[in-house]
Amino acid sequence: MSQLSVNSWLARFKSEGILGLQTKSGRGRKPIIVESEDKEQILAAIKSNRQRWLRAKAEWEAQRGKTVGRITFRKFLKSLAEDINV
């Protein structure tokens, strides 16, 4: 940890209190798959390729012009399945 980090935390604490030390939104990498935007297209791709999720992934990528890793796509599908089963 650098002195610069400690000084910036201290300055934020003095100006904003304990709330100033919380992580602000907008930090980090933005998600590739946004549920509100991509959910319907992914579900349509899955319905047209029921047993082949890699084909569904390729179809969605072609439609959206995005690329996503296999693990990320599978995690998103798993989250959709959990939403359905709840």
PDB file of N, CA and C in Angstrom:
ATOM      1  N   MET A   1       0.846  -1.159   0.000  1.00  0.00           N
ATOM      2  CA  MET A   1       0.000   0.000   0.000  1.00  0.00           C
ATOM      3  C   MET A   1       0.902   1.235   0.000  1.00  0.00           C
ATOM      4  N   SER A   2       0.565   2.159  -0.850  1.00  0.00           N
ATOM      5  CA  SER A   2       1.418   3.341  -0.978  1.00  0.00           C
ATOM      6  C   SER A   2       0.910   4.483  -0.093  1.00  0.00           C
ATOM      7  N   GLN A   3       1.781   5.407   0.142  1.00  0.00           N
ATOM      8  CA  GLN A   3       1.430   6.593   0.925  1.00  0.00           C
ATOM      9  C   GLN A   3       0.376   7.424   0.192  1.00  0.00           C
ATOM     10  N   LEU A   4       0.436   7.419  -1.124  1.00  0.00           N
ATOM     11  CA  LEU A   4      -0.534   8.149  -1.935  1.00  0.00           C
ATOM     12  C   LEU A   4      -1.951   7.611  -1.722  1.00  0.00           C
ATOM     13  N   SER A   5      -2.085   6.291  -1.667  1.00  0.00           N
ATOM     14  CA  SER A   5      -3.395   5.684  -1.420  1.00  0.00           C
ATOM     15  C   SER A   5      -3.934   6.075  -0.043  1.00  0.00           C
ATOM     16  N   VAL A   6      -3.086   5.987   0.952  1.00  0.00           N
ATOM     17  CA  VAL A   6      -3.504   6.325   2.315  1.00  0.00           C
ATOM     18  C   VAL A   6      -3.917   7.791   2.386  1.00  0.00           C
ATOM     19  N   ASN A   7      -3.156   8.663   1.755  1.00  0.00           N
ATOM     20  CA  ASN A   7      -3.479  10.095   1.777  1.00  0.00           C
ATOM     21  C   ASN A   7      -4.810  10.377   1.072  1.00  0.00           C
ATOM     22  N   SER A   8      -5.068   9.688  -0.042  1.00  0.00           N
ATOM     23  CA  SER A   8      -6.331   9.930  -0.753  1.00  0.00           C
ATOM     24  C   SER A   8      -7.509   9.409   0.067  1.00  0.00           C
ATOM     25  N   TRP A   9      -7.345   8.267   0.734  1.00  0.00           N
ATOM     26  CA  TRP A   9      -8.406   7.741   1.597  1.00  0.00           C
ATOM     27  C   TRP A   9      -8.683   8.703   2.755  1.00  0.00           C
ATOM     28  N   LEU A  10      -7.615   9.225   3.332  1.00  0.00           N
ATOM     29  CA  LEU A  10      -7.759  10.149   4.447  1.00  0.00           C
ATOM     30  C   LEU A  10      -8.475  11.422   4.003  1.00  0.00           C
ATOM     31  N   ALA A  11      -8.122  11.934   2.842  1.00  0.00           N
ATOM     32  CA  ALA A  11      -8.776  13.139   2.325  1.00  0.00           C
ATOM     33  C   ALA A  11     -10.262  12.877   2.065  1.00  0.00           C
ATOM     34  N   ARG A  12     -10.587  11.709   1.488  1.00  0.00           N
ATOM     35  CA  ARG A  12     -12.004  11.376   1.246  1.00  0.00           C
ATOM     36  C   ARG A  12     -12.755  11.218   2.556  1.00  0.00           C
ATOM     37  N   PHE A  13     -12.105  10.623   3.564  1.00  0.00           N
ATOM     38  CA  PHE A  13     -12.747  10.447   4.861  1.00  0.00           C
ATOM     39  C   PHE A  13     -13.020  11.800   5.507  1.00  0.00           C
ATOM     40  N   LYS A  14     -12.082  12.724   5.413  1.00  0.00           N
ATOM     41  CA  LYS A  14     -12.259  14.045   6.016  1.00  0.00           C
ATOM     42  C   LYS A  14     -13.361  14.838   5.314  1.00  0.00           C
ATOM     43  N   SER A  15     -13.464  14.695   3.997  1.00  0.00           N
ATOM     44  CA  SER A  15     -14.457  15.482   3.270  1.00  0.00           C
ATOM     45  C   SER A  15     -15.846  14.840   3.259  1.00  0.00           C
ATOM     46  N   GLU A  16     -15.918  13.489   3.218  1.00  0.00           N
ATOM     47  CA  GLU A  16     -17.211  12.822   3.057  1.00  0.00           C
ATOM     48  C   GLU A  16     -17.588  11.914   4.225  1.00  0.00           C
ATOM     49  N   GLY A  17     -16.690  11.721   5.154  1.00  0.00           N
ATOM     50  CA  GLY A  17     -16.976  10.824   6.269  1.00  0.00           C
ATOM     51  C   GLY A  17     -16.789   9.368   5.858  1.00  0.00           C
ATOM     52  N   ILE A  18     -17.401   8.470   6.605  1.00  0.00           N
ATOM     53  CA  ILE A  18     -17.228   7.035   6.361  1.00  0.00           C
ATOM     54  C   ILE A  18     -17.794   6.628   5.000  1.00  0.00           C
ATOM     55  N   LEU A  19     -18.833   7.337   4.514  1.00  0.00           N
ATOM     56  CA  LEU A  19     -19.408   7.016   3.207  1.00  0.00           C
ATOM     57  C   LEU A  19     -18.436   7.298   2.066  1.00  0.00           C
ATOM     58  N   GLY A  20     -17.497   8.196   2.291  1.00  0.00           N
ATOM     59  CA  GLY A  20     -16.503   8.512   1.268  1.00  0.00           C
ATOM     60  C   GLY A  20     -15.524   7.375   1.014  1.00  0.00           C
ATOM     61  N   LEU A  21     -15.456   6.423   1.930  1.00  0.00           N
ATOM     62  CA  LEU A  21     -14.531   5.305   1.767  1.00  0.00           C
ATOM     63  C   LEU A  21     -15.143   4.134   1.011  1.00  0.00           C
ATOM     64  N   GLN A  22     -16.449   4.169   0.764  1.00  0.00           N
ATOM     65  CA  GLN A  22     -17.086   3.101   0.007  1.00  0.00           C
ATOM     66  C   GLN A  22     -16.663   3.171  -1.454  1.00  0.00           C
ATOM     67  N   THR A  23     -16.638   2.001  -2.083  1.00  0.00           N
ATOM     68  CA  THR A  23     -16.287   1.934  -3.496  1.00  0.00           C
ATOM     69  C   THR A  23     -17.390   2.574  -4.311  1.00  0.00           C
ATOM     70  N   LYS A  24     -17.016   3.483  -5.176  1.00  0.00           N
ATOM     71  CA  LYS A  24     -17.972   4.189  -6.007  1.00  0.00           C
ATOM     72  C   LYS A  24     -18.377   3.329  -7.202  1.00  0.00           C
ATOM     73  N   SER A  25     -19.578   3.545  -7.692  1.00  0.00           N
ATOM     74  CA  SER A  25     -20.011   2.820  -8.879  1.00  0.00           C
ATOM     75  C   SER A  25     -19.197   3.289 -10.081  1.00  0.00           C
ATOM     76  N   GLY A  26     -19.116   2.428 -11.073  1.00  0.00           N
ATOM     77  CA  GLY A  26     -18.365   2.778 -12.265  1.00  0.00           C
ATOM     78  C   GLY A  26     -16.927   2.277 -12.235  1.00  0.00           C
ATOM     79  N   ARG A  27     -16.542   1.639 -11.165  1.00  0.00           N
ATOM     80  CA  ARG A  27     -15.183   1.118 -11.063  1.00  0.00           C
ATOM     81  C   ARG A  27     -15.136  -0.268 -11.687  1.00  0.00           C
ATOM     82  N   GLY A  28     -14.036  -0.600 -12.287  1.00  0.00           N
ATOM     83  CA  GLY A  28     -13.857  -1.939 -12.829  1.00  0.00           C
ATOM     84  C   GLY A  28     -14.389  -2.080 -14.245  1.00  0.00           C
ATOM     85  N   ARG A  29     -14.233  -3.255 -14.761  1.00  0.00           N
ATOM     86  CA  ARG A  29     -14.644  -3.553 -16.127  1.00  0.00           C
ATOM     87  C   ARG A  29     -16.163  -3.634 -16.226  1.00  0.00           C
ATOM     88  N   LYS A  30     -16.691  -3.103 -17.287  1.00  0.00           N
ATOM     89  CA  LYS A  30     -18.127  -3.165 -17.516  1.00  0.00           C
ATOM     90  C   LYS A  30     -18.496  -4.569 -17.977  1.00  0.00           C
ATOM     91  N   PRO A  31     -19.686  -5.063 -17.604  1.00  0.00           N
ATOM     92  CA  PRO A  31     -20.081  -6.415 -18.004  1.00  0.00           C
ATOM     93  C   PRO A  31     -20.295  -6.519 -19.508  1.00  0.00           C
ATOM     94  N   ILE A  32     -19.917  -7.660 -20.073  1.00  0.00           N
ATOM     95  CA  ILE A  32     -20.098  -7.899 -21.503  1.00  0.00           C
ATOM     96  C   ILE A  32     -21.556  -8.241 -21.776  1.00  0.00           C
ATOM     97  N   ILE A  33     -22.126  -9.089 -20.942  1.00  0.00           N
ATOM     98  CA  ILE A  33     -23.528  -9.473 -21.082  1.00  0.00           C
ATOM     99  C   ILE A  33     -24.329  -8.675 -20.065  1.00  0.00           C
ATOM    100  N   VAL A  34     -25.207  -7.825 -20.575  1.00  0.00           N
ATOM    101  CA  VAL A  34     -26.071  -7.026 -19.710  1.00  0.00           C
ATOM    102  C   VAL A  34     -27.447  -7.676 -19.741  1.00  0.00           C
ATOM    103  N   GLU A  35     -27.888  -8.157 -18.587  1.00  0.00           N
ATOM    104  CA  GLU A  35     -29.118  -8.946 -18.546  1.00  0.00           C
ATOM    105  C   GLU A  35     -30.305  -8.191 -19.133  1.00  0.00           C
ATOM    106  N   SER A  36     -30.450  -6.918 -18.805  1.00  0.00           N
ATOM    107  CA  SER A  36     -31.605  -6.165 -19.291  1.00  0.00           C
ATOM    108  C   SER A  36     -31.600  -6.005 -20.805  1.00  0.00           C
ATOM    109  N   GLU A  37     -30.425  -6.011 -21.427  1.00  0.00           N
ATOM    110  CA  GLU A  37     -30.331  -5.818 -22.868  1.00  0.00           C
ATOM    111  C   GLU A  37     -30.231  -7.130 -23.642  1.00  0.00           C
ATOM    112  N   ASP A  38     -29.566  -8.118 -23.081  1.00  0.00           N
ATOM    113  CA  ASP A  38     -29.206  -9.318 -23.832  1.00  0.00           C
ATOM    114  C   ASP A  38     -30.023 -10.560 -23.506  1.00  0.00           C
ATOM    115  N   LYS A  39     -30.808 -10.529 -22.453  1.00  0.00           N
ATOM    116  CA  LYS A  39     -31.504 -11.724 -21.995  1.00  0.00           C
ATOM    117  C   LYS A  39     -32.427 -12.306 -23.068  1.00  0.00           C
ATOM    118  N   GLU A  40     -33.243 -11.471 -23.697  1.00  0.00           N
ATOM    119  CA  GLU A  40     -34.206 -11.963 -24.684  1.00  0.00           C
ATOM    120  C   GLU A  40     -33.512 -12.573 -25.898  1.00  0.00           C
ATOM    121  N   GLN A  41     -32.449 -11.937 -26.369  1.00  0.00           N
ATOM    122  CA  GLN A  41     -31.732 -12.475 -27.529  1.00  0.00           C
ATOM    123  C   GLN A  41     -31.046 -13.789 -27.203  1.00  0.00           C
ATOM    124  N   ILE A  42     -30.503 -13.905 -26.016  1.00  0.00           N
ATOM    125  CA  ILE A  42     -29.848 -15.153 -25.625  1.00  0.00           C
ATOM    126  C   ILE A  42     -30.885 -16.266 -25.486  1.00  0.00           C
ATOM    127  N   LEU A  43     -32.033 -15.943 -24.899  1.00  0.00           N
ATOM    128  CA  LEU A  43     -33.086 -16.958 -24.782  1.00  0.00           C
ATOM    129  C   LEU A  43     -33.568 -17.415 -26.156  1.00  0.00           C
ATOM    130  N   ALA A  44     -33.687 -16.487 -27.109  1.00  0.00           N
ATOM    131  CA  ALA A  44     -34.098 -16.855 -28.465  1.00  0.00           C
ATOM    132  C   ALA A  44     -33.055 -17.746 -29.119  1.00  0.00           C
ATOM    133  N   ALA A  45     -31.777 -17.433 -28.913  1.00  0.00           N
ATOM    134  CA  ALA A  45     -30.699 -18.247 -29.482  1.00  0.00           C
ATOM    135  C   ALA A  45     -30.692 -19.644 -28.861  1.00  0.00           C
ATOM    136  N   ILE A  46     -30.957 -19.724 -27.577  1.00  0.00           N
ATOM    137  CA  ILE A  46     -31.007 -21.029 -26.898  1.00  0.00           C
ATOM    138  C   ILE A  46     -32.191 -21.847 -27.413  1.00  0.00           C
ATOM    139  N   LYS A  47     -33.336 -21.198 -27.612  1.00  0.00           N
ATOM    140  CA  LYS A  47     -34.508 -21.917 -28.092  1.00  0.00           C
ATOM    141  C   LYS A  47     -34.293 -22.470 -29.500  1.00  0.00           C
ATOM    142  N   SER A  48     -33.554 -21.753 -30.334  1.00  0.00           N
ATOM    143  CA  SER A  48     -33.313 -22.240 -31.690  1.00  0.00           C
ATOM    144  C   SER A  48     -32.201 -23.290 -31.744  1.00  0.00           C
ATOM    145  N   ASN A  49     -31.393 -23.393 -30.711  1.00  0.00           N
ATOM    146  CA  ASN A  49     -30.298 -24.374 -30.631  1.00  0.00           C
ATOM    147  C   ASN A  49     -30.346 -25.059 -29.273  1.00  0.00           C
ATOM    148  N   ARG A  50     -31.402 -25.782 -29.009  1.00  0.00           N
ATOM    149  CA  ARG A  50     -31.661 -26.347 -27.682  1.00  0.00           C
ATOM    150  C   ARG A  50     -30.508 -27.171 -27.106  1.00  0.00           C
ATOM    151  N   GLN A  51     -29.941 -28.042 -27.876  1.00  0.00           N
ATOM    152  CA  GLN A  51     -28.931 -28.959 -27.353  1.00  0.00           C
ATOM    153  C   GLN A  51     -27.503 -28.496 -27.622  1.00  0.00           C
ATOM    154  N   ARG A  52     -27.334 -27.384 -28.279  1.00  0.00           N
ATOM    155  CA  ARG A  52     -25.990 -26.920 -28.644  1.00  0.00           C
ATOM    156  C   ARG A  52     -25.802 -25.471 -28.202  1.00  0.00           C
ATOM    157  N   TRP A  53     -25.365 -25.312 -26.943  1.00  0.00           N
ATOM    158  CA  TRP A  53     -25.228 -23.973 -26.405  1.00  0.00           C
ATOM    159  C   TRP A  53     -24.090 -23.204 -27.070  1.00  0.00           C
ATOM    160  N   LEU A  54     -23.083 -23.912 -27.603  1.00  0.00           N
ATOM    161  CA  LEU A  54     -22.003 -23.207 -28.292  1.00  0.00           C
ATOM    162  C   LEU A  54     -22.504 -22.579 -29.594  1.00  0.00           C
ATOM    163  N   ARG A  55     -23.428 -23.243 -30.269  1.00  0.00           N
ATOM    164  CA  ARG A  55     -24.034 -22.640 -31.464  1.00  0.00           C
ATOM    165  C   ARG A  55     -24.888 -21.435 -31.068  1.00  0.00           C
ATOM    166  N   ALA A  56     -25.593 -21.561 -29.968  1.00  0.00           N
ATOM    167  CA  ALA A  56     -26.396 -20.440 -29.477  1.00  0.00           C
ATOM    168  C   ALA A  56     -25.495 -19.256 -29.130  1.00  0.00           C
ATOM    169  N   LYS A  57     -24.356 -19.541 -28.531  1.00  0.00           N
ATOM    170  CA  LYS A  57     -23.383 -18.498 -28.195  1.00  0.00           C
ATOM    171  C   LYS A  57     -22.896 -17.811 -29.463  1.00  0.00           C
ATOM    172  N   ALA A  58     -22.549 -18.594 -30.473  1.00  0.00           N
ATOM    173  CA  ALA A  58     -22.057 -18.030 -31.736  1.00  0.00           C
ATOM    174  C   ALA A  58     -23.145 -17.200 -32.420  1.00  0.00           C
ATOM    175  N   GLU A  59     -24.369 -17.674 -32.369  1.00  0.00           N
ATOM    176  CA  GLU A  59     -25.489 -16.933 -32.972  1.00  0.00           C
ATOM    177  C   GLU A  59     -25.689 -15.594 -32.267  1.00  0.00           C
ATOM    178  N   TRP A  60     -25.670 -15.603 -30.939  1.00  0.00           N
ATOM    179  CA  TRP A  60     -25.833 -14.367 -30.178  1.00  0.00           C
ATOM    180  C   TRP A  60     -24.690 -13.398 -30.447  1.00  0.00           C
ATOM    181  N   GLU A  61     -23.461 -13.927 -30.502  1.00  0.00           N
ATOM    182  CA  GLU A  61     -22.303 -13.069 -30.776  1.00  0.00           C
ATOM    183  C   GLU A  61     -22.419 -12.413 -32.148  1.00  0.00           C
ATOM    184  N   ALA A  62     -22.904 -13.161 -33.129  1.00  0.00           N
ATOM    185  CA  ALA A  62     -23.065 -12.605 -34.470  1.00  0.00           C
ATOM    186  C   ALA A  62     -24.138 -11.513 -34.487  1.00  0.00           C
ATOM    187  N   GLN A  63     -25.207 -11.721 -33.742  1.00  0.00           N
ATOM    188  CA  GLN A  63     -26.277 -10.729 -33.689  1.00  0.00           C
ATOM    189  C   GLN A  63     -25.843  -9.452 -32.990  1.00  0.00           C
ATOM    190  N   ARG A  64     -25.166  -9.595 -31.872  1.00  0.00           N
ATOM    191  CA  ARG A  64     -24.801  -8.437 -31.044  1.00  0.00           C
ATOM    192  C   ARG A  64     -23.466  -7.811 -31.414  1.00  0.00           C
ATOM    193  N   GLY A  65     -22.629  -8.528 -32.139  1.00  0.00           N
ATOM    194  CA  GLY A  65     -21.315  -8.000 -32.462  1.00  0.00           C
ATOM    195  C   GLY A  65     -20.377  -7.976 -31.264  1.00  0.00           C
ATOM    196  N   LYS A  66     -20.653  -8.816 -30.297  1.00  0.00           N
ATOM    197  CA  LYS A  66     -19.825  -8.932 -29.096  1.00  0.00           C
ATOM    198  C   LYS A  66     -19.185 -10.310 -29.087  1.00  0.00           C
ATOM    199  N   THR A  67     -18.082 -10.438 -28.381  1.00  0.00           N
ATOM    200  CA  THR A  67     -17.501 -11.751 -28.142  1.00  0.00           C
ATOM    201  C   THR A  67     -17.431 -11.952 -26.634  1.00  0.00           C
ATOM    202  N   VAL A  68     -17.699 -13.175 -26.246  1.00  0.00           N
ATOM    203  CA  VAL A  68     -17.715 -13.503 -24.830  1.00  0.00           C
ATOM    204  C   VAL A  68     -17.109 -14.894 -24.674  1.00  0.00           C
ATOM    205  N   GLY A  69     -16.446 -15.116 -23.571  1.00  0.00           N
ATOM    206  CA  GLY A  69     -15.841 -16.417 -23.315  1.00  0.00           C
ATOM    207  C   GLY A  69     -16.877 -17.484 -23.010  1.00  0.00           C
ATOM    208  N   ARG A  70     -16.471 -18.723 -23.205  1.00  0.00           N
ATOM    209  CA  ARG A  70     -17.376 -19.852 -22.949  1.00  0.00           C
ATOM    210  C   ARG A  70     -17.828 -19.884 -21.499  1.00  0.00           C
ATOM    211  N   ILE A  71     -16.907 -19.637 -20.586  1.00  0.00           N
ATOM    212  CA  ILE A  71     -17.235 -19.700 -19.164  1.00  0.00           C
ATOM    213  C   ILE A  71     -18.220 -18.591 -18.797  1.00  0.00           C
ATOM    214  N   THR A  72     -18.004 -17.396 -19.317  1.00  0.00           N
ATOM    215  CA  THR A  72     -18.905 -16.278 -19.038  1.00  0.00           C
ATOM    216  C   THR A  72     -20.306 -16.571 -19.555  1.00  0.00           C
ATOM    217  N   PHE A  73     -20.400 -17.115 -20.762  1.00  0.00           N
ATOM    218  CA  PHE A  73     -21.694 -17.439 -21.343  1.00  0.00           C
ATOM    219  C   PHE A  73     -22.406 -18.515 -20.523  1.00  0.00           C
ATOM    220  N   ARG A  74     -21.654 -19.539 -20.123  1.00  0.00           N
ATOM    221  CA  ARG A  74     -22.251 -20.616 -19.316  1.00  0.00           C
ATOM    222  C   ARG A  74     -22.725 -20.097 -17.967  1.00  0.00           C
ATOM    223  N   LYS A  75     -21.963 -19.195 -17.344  1.00  0.00           N
ATOM    224  CA  LYS A  75     -22.383 -18.621 -16.066  1.00  0.00           C
ATOM    225  C   LYS A  75     -23.677 -17.829 -16.228  1.00  0.00           C
ATOM    226  N   PHE A  76     -23.783 -17.093 -17.339  1.00  0.00           N
ATOM    227  CA  PHE A  76     -25.008 -16.340 -17.579  1.00  0.00           C
ATOM    228  C   PHE A  76     -26.191 -17.292 -17.773  1.00  0.00           C
ATOM    229  N   LEU A  77     -25.980 -18.370 -18.528  1.00  0.00           N
ATOM    230  CA  LEU A  77     -27.048 -19.349 -18.725  1.00  0.00           C
ATOM    231  C   LEU A  77     -27.459 -19.976 -17.395  1.00  0.00           C
ATOM    232  N   LYS A  78     -26.475 -20.245 -16.558  1.00  0.00           N
ATOM    233  CA  LYS A  78     -26.759 -20.834 -15.254  1.00  0.00           C
ATOM    234  C   LYS A  78     -27.579 -19.862 -14.397  1.00  0.00           C
ATOM    235  N   SER A  79     -27.258 -18.574 -14.455  1.00  0.00           N
ATOM    236  CA  SER A  79     -28.032 -17.592 -13.694  1.00  0.00           C
ATOM    237  C   SER A  79     -29.465 -17.507 -14.211  1.00  0.00           C
ATOM    238  N   LEU A  80     -29.654 -17.664 -15.526  1.00  0.00           N
ATOM    239  CA  LEU A  80     -31.009 -17.682 -16.078  1.00  0.00           C
ATOM    240  C   LEU A  80     -31.772 -18.893 -15.576  1.00  0.00           C
ATOM    241  N   ALA A  81     -31.113 -20.041 -15.524  1.00  0.00           N
ATOM    242  CA  ALA A  81     -31.757 -21.257 -15.035  1.00  0.00           C
ATOM    243  C   ALA A  81     -32.131 -21.116 -13.568  1.00  0.00           C
ATOM    244  N   GLU A  82     -31.291 -20.478 -12.777  1.00  0.00           N
ATOM    245  CA  GLU A  82     -31.602 -20.279 -11.364  1.00  0.00           C
ATOM    246  C   GLU A  82     -32.801 -19.362 -11.221  1.00  0.00           C
ATOM    247  N   ASP A  83     -32.918 -18.339 -12.081  1.00  0.00           N
ATOM    248  CA  ASP A  83     -34.074 -17.443 -12.035  1.00  0.00           C
ATOM    249  C   ASP A  83     -35.357 -18.195 -12.361  1.00  0.00           C
ATOM    250  N   ILE A  84     -35.288 -19.115 -13.292  1.00  0.00           N
ATOM    251  CA  ILE A  84     -36.466 -19.884 -13.698  1.00  0.00           C
ATOM    252  C   ILE A  84     -36.886 -20.848 -12.592  1.00  0.00           C
ATOM    253  N   ASN A  85     -35.908 -21.449 -11.915  1.00  0.00           N
ATOM    254  CA  ASN A  85     -36.207 -22.466 -10.892  1.00  0.00           C
ATOM    255  C   ASN A  85     -36.665 -21.865  -9.557  1.00  0.00           C
ATOM    256  N   VAL A  86     -36.520 -20.576  -9.384  1.00  0.00           N
ATOM    257  CA  VAL A  86     -36.891 -19.953  -8.099  1.00  0.00           C
ATOM    258  C   VAL A  86     -38.367 -19.756  -8.017  1.00  0.00           C
TER     259      VAL A  86
END
